[in-house]
C-alpha cells in the first residue's frame, strides 16, 4: 500500500492478472449497443426512403372517395426536393378543408388553368375528391412531416 500524498487516504494498487482484452460481458454489451444502433439506423432509412414510395404505390391502387367542406382554394407553385438537394417546381391548386385537411390538385394543372380550377371551388360548399386511402388515413401524421395529400384524377 502507498500513502495518499499527505491526505490521510491510503491508495492501493491492484495488479491486473488478465490479458488486457475486454471481458466477455463487455464485448456482449458492445454488440448489443452496436446492434441496437444498426437496427435504429435501418429503421430511419426505411421510414425516409421506403415508406413514401410504398405509400404512393398503395394510394394509387387504393383510391377512396371523400366529401370535404372547402374553406379555400388557391392556385400557386409547389416544389419538391430530393436527398441530393435537387428539386422541381410544379403548378398546383391548394384546397383547405376543416374536415379533410389540406389537399393538393397537381395532375393536369398548368400555369394557365390553375387559377380557373381554383375559381371553381366555392367557400362553404362540399365537394367530392378521390384520394389515396393510406394518405387520407394518416393525413394528420403526414402533415407533421410536411407531406401532402394529393387528389387523384376522376376516372
Foldseek 3Di string as FASTA:
>chain_A
DDDDPPPRDDDDDDDDPDPPDDDPVVVVVVVVVVVVVVVVVVVVCCVVPVVVVVQVVQQVVAKDKDKFQWAFKDKDKDKDADPVGDMDIFIWIWTATPVQGIEIETPPDHPVCRVVVRVVDDHGDIDMFIWGPVCSVCVVVCVVVPHHTYTDDDD
